Each structure stands twice: as C-alpha cells, then as structure tokens.
C-alpha cells in the first residue's frame, strides 16, 4: 500500500485521487465518505474499503484491520465494489 504522499497526491482533490486510482486499478482505503459518493455516482473501478471506525488510535486501527482486512480483500476479489469496515 502506498500512501498518497508517496504517489504525488497528498494535496489532491478527491476526484483527482479517485481518477488516479481508477487509472491504476488500485483499491482505495479511506475514512472519507466522499469516495463512497464518487463510486456510487461514477461507478467502479476503483474498489473501496471504507473505514467507518471513527476516531481511533493507530494501534486500535491496526487491530481492526488485522481482524478484517483479509475478508474485505476477498469480498473485493469476488466482485464487491465497496466494503465497509467498522470497529464493531
């Protein structure tokens, strides 16, 4: 996974990030619901993992992702466009 700063998109607008992800065929992992709106409006790709776990520590986020990321990726592999991961 490459943070946006590593691919020159740190200060980019959401649509620019969305289009870059679409062009490169990557999965977006985000807490920003604007990307959910974009995929609903413009379609997929990209696929999105939407984190709805609110404000949480990096350690807790790592725990959540360790427990859920493989299943989320499998859902995307089988054709899901959007997978939501929450803290519950």
C-alpha atoms as a PDB file:
ATOM      1  CA  UNK A   1       0.000   0.000   0.000  1.00  0.00           C
ATOM      2  CA  UNK A   2       1.305   3.417  -0.949  1.00  0.00           C
ATOM      3  CA  UNK A   3       0.243   6.473   0.999  1.00  0.00           C
ATOM      4  CA  UNK A   4      -0.921   9.349  -1.179  1.00  0.00           C
ATOM      5  CA  UNK A   5       2.184  11.345  -0.346  1.00  0.00           C
ATOM      6  CA  UNK A   6       4.305   8.608  -1.957  1.00  0.00           C
ATOM      7  CA  UNK A   7       2.463   8.846  -5.288  1.00  0.00           C
ATOM      8  CA  UNK A   8       2.303  12.635  -5.518  1.00  0.00           C
ATOM      9  CA  UNK A   9      -1.348  13.013  -4.496  1.00  0.00           C
ATOM     10  CA  UNK A  10      -1.058  14.232  -0.910  1.00  0.00           C
ATOM     11  CA  UNK A  11      -2.771  17.564  -1.618  1.00  0.00           C
ATOM     12  CA  UNK A  12      -5.019  16.344  -4.441  1.00  0.00           C
ATOM     13  CA  UNK A  13      -8.784  16.770  -4.576  1.00  0.00           C
ATOM     14  CA  UNK A  14     -10.952  13.680  -4.048  1.00  0.00           C
ATOM     15  CA  UNK A  15     -11.893  13.407  -7.725  1.00  0.00           C
ATOM     16  CA  UNK A  16      -8.230  13.505  -8.775  1.00  0.00           C
ATOM     17  CA  UNK A  17      -7.405  10.718  -6.307  1.00  0.00           C
ATOM     18  CA  UNK A  18     -10.443   8.718  -7.479  1.00  0.00           C
ATOM     19  CA  UNK A  19      -9.446   9.063 -11.146  1.00  0.00           C
ATOM     20  CA  UNK A  20      -5.822   8.115 -10.415  1.00  0.00           C
ATOM     21  CA  UNK A  21      -6.971   5.016  -8.518  1.00  0.00           C
ATOM     22  CA  UNK A  22      -9.277   4.135 -11.401  1.00  0.00           C
ATOM     23  CA  UNK A  23      -6.484   4.536 -13.970  1.00  0.00           C
ATOM     24  CA  UNK A  24      -4.068   2.429 -11.945  1.00  0.00           C
ATOM     25  CA  UNK A  25      -6.575  -0.217 -10.850  1.00  0.00           C
ATOM     26  CA  UNK A  26      -5.838   0.130  -7.163  1.00  0.00           C
ATOM     27  CA  UNK A  27      -8.060  -0.251  -4.119  1.00  0.00           C
ATOM     28  CA  UNK A  28      -8.740   2.889  -2.091  1.00  0.00           C
ATOM     29  CA  UNK A  29      -8.747   2.519   1.683  1.00  0.00           C
ATOM     30  CA  UNK A  30     -10.377   5.594   3.170  1.00  0.00           C
ATOM     31  CA  UNK A  31     -12.387   7.074   6.020  1.00  0.00           C
ATOM     32  CA  UNK A  32     -13.782   9.732   3.660  1.00  0.00           C
ATOM     33  CA  UNK A  33     -17.414   9.137   2.633  1.00  0.00           C
ATOM     34  CA  UNK A  34     -16.877  11.391  -0.400  1.00  0.00           C
ATOM     35  CA  UNK A  35     -15.221   8.425  -2.127  1.00  0.00           C
ATOM     36  CA  UNK A  36     -18.312   6.313  -1.482  1.00  0.00           C
ATOM     37  CA  UNK A  37     -20.384   9.040  -3.142  1.00  0.00           C
ATOM     38  CA  UNK A  38     -17.981   9.115  -6.101  1.00  0.00           C
ATOM     39  CA  UNK A  39     -18.146   5.360  -6.676  1.00  0.00           C
ATOM     40  CA  UNK A  40     -21.953   5.492  -6.473  1.00  0.00           C
ATOM     41  CA  UNK A  41     -22.049   8.381  -8.939  1.00  0.00           C
ATOM     42  CA  UNK A  42     -19.228   7.425 -11.319  1.00  0.00           C
ATOM     43  CA  UNK A  43     -19.020   3.664 -10.904  1.00  0.00           C
ATOM     44  CA  UNK A  44     -16.164   1.305 -10.315  1.00  0.00           C
ATOM     45  CA  UNK A  45     -13.230   0.922 -10.549  1.00  0.00           C
ATOM     46  CA  UNK A  46     -11.795   1.808  -8.158  1.00  0.00           C
ATOM     47  CA  UNK A  47     -12.931  -0.523  -5.447  1.00  0.00           C
ATOM     48  CA  UNK A  48     -13.127   0.971  -1.973  1.00  0.00           C
ATOM     49  CA  UNK A  49     -12.541  -0.223   1.552  1.00  0.00           C
ATOM     50  CA  UNK A  50     -14.427   2.317   3.645  1.00  0.00           C
ATOM     51  CA  UNK A  51     -13.282   2.608   7.260  1.00  0.00           C
ATOM     52  CA  UNK A  52     -16.160   3.687   9.488  1.00  0.00           C
ATOM     53  CA  UNK A  53     -14.435   3.111  12.796  1.00  0.00           C
ATOM     54  CA  UNK A  54     -14.398   6.776  13.767  1.00  0.00           C
ATOM     55  CA  UNK A  55     -11.561   8.435  15.603  1.00  0.00           C
ATOM     56  CA  UNK A  56      -9.355   5.696  16.923  1.00  0.00           C
ATOM     57  CA  UNK A  57      -5.720   5.218  17.763  1.00  0.00           C
ATOM     58  CA  UNK A  58      -3.341   3.820  15.187  1.00  0.00           C
ATOM     59  CA  UNK A  59      -2.895   0.764  17.401  1.00  0.00           C
ATOM     60  CA  UNK A  60      -6.654   0.135  17.511  1.00  0.00           C
ATOM     61  CA  UNK A  61      -6.956   0.698  13.757  1.00  0.00           C
ATOM     62  CA  UNK A  62      -4.195  -1.847  13.222  1.00  0.00           C
ATOM     63  CA  UNK A  63      -6.130  -4.346  15.391  1.00  0.00           C
ATOM     64  CA  UNK A  64      -9.308  -3.737  13.393  1.00  0.00           C
ATOM     65  CA  UNK A  65      -7.535  -4.154  10.060  1.00  0.00           C
ATOM     66  CA  UNK A  66      -5.673  -7.252  11.241  1.00  0.00           C
ATOM     67  CA  UNK A  67      -9.016  -8.850  12.058  1.00  0.00           C
ATOM     68  CA  UNK A  68     -10.911  -7.765   8.925  1.00  0.00           C
ATOM     69  CA  UNK A  69      -8.666  -6.857   6.004  1.00  0.00           C
ATOM     70  CA  UNK A  70      -8.250 -10.338   4.504  1.00  0.00           C
ATOM     71  CA  UNK A  71     -12.021 -10.861   4.437  1.00  0.00           C
ATOM     72  CA  UNK A  72     -12.519  -7.400   2.938  1.00  0.00           C
ATOM     73  CA  UNK A  73      -9.997  -8.125   0.193  1.00  0.00           C
ATOM     74  CA  UNK A  74     -11.692 -11.446  -0.547  1.00  0.00           C
ATOM     75  CA  UNK A  75     -15.048  -9.668  -0.919  1.00  0.00           C
ATOM     76  CA  UNK A  76     -13.450  -7.243  -3.373  1.00  0.00           C
ATOM     77  CA  UNK A  77     -11.851 -10.137  -5.254  1.00  0.00           C
ATOM     78  CA  UNK A  78     -15.283 -11.714  -5.713  1.00  0.00           C
ATOM     79  CA  UNK A  79     -16.691  -8.526  -7.221  1.00  0.00           C
ATOM     80  CA  UNK A  80     -17.846  -6.266  -4.418  1.00  0.00           C
ATOM     81  CA  UNK A  81     -17.212  -2.623  -5.226  1.00  0.00           C
ATOM     82  CA  UNK A  82     -17.433  -1.266  -1.685  1.00  0.00           C
ATOM     83  CA  UNK A  83     -16.595  -2.976   1.596  1.00  0.00           C
ATOM     84  CA  UNK A  84     -17.218  -1.214   4.895  1.00  0.00           C
ATOM     85  CA  UNK A  85     -15.063  -1.947   7.926  1.00  0.00           C
ATOM     86  CA  UNK A  86     -16.301  -0.669  11.280  1.00  0.00           C
ATOM     87  CA  UNK A  87     -14.994  -1.078  14.814  1.00  0.00           C
ATOM     88  CA  UNK A  88     -17.784  -3.473  15.772  1.00  0.00           C
END
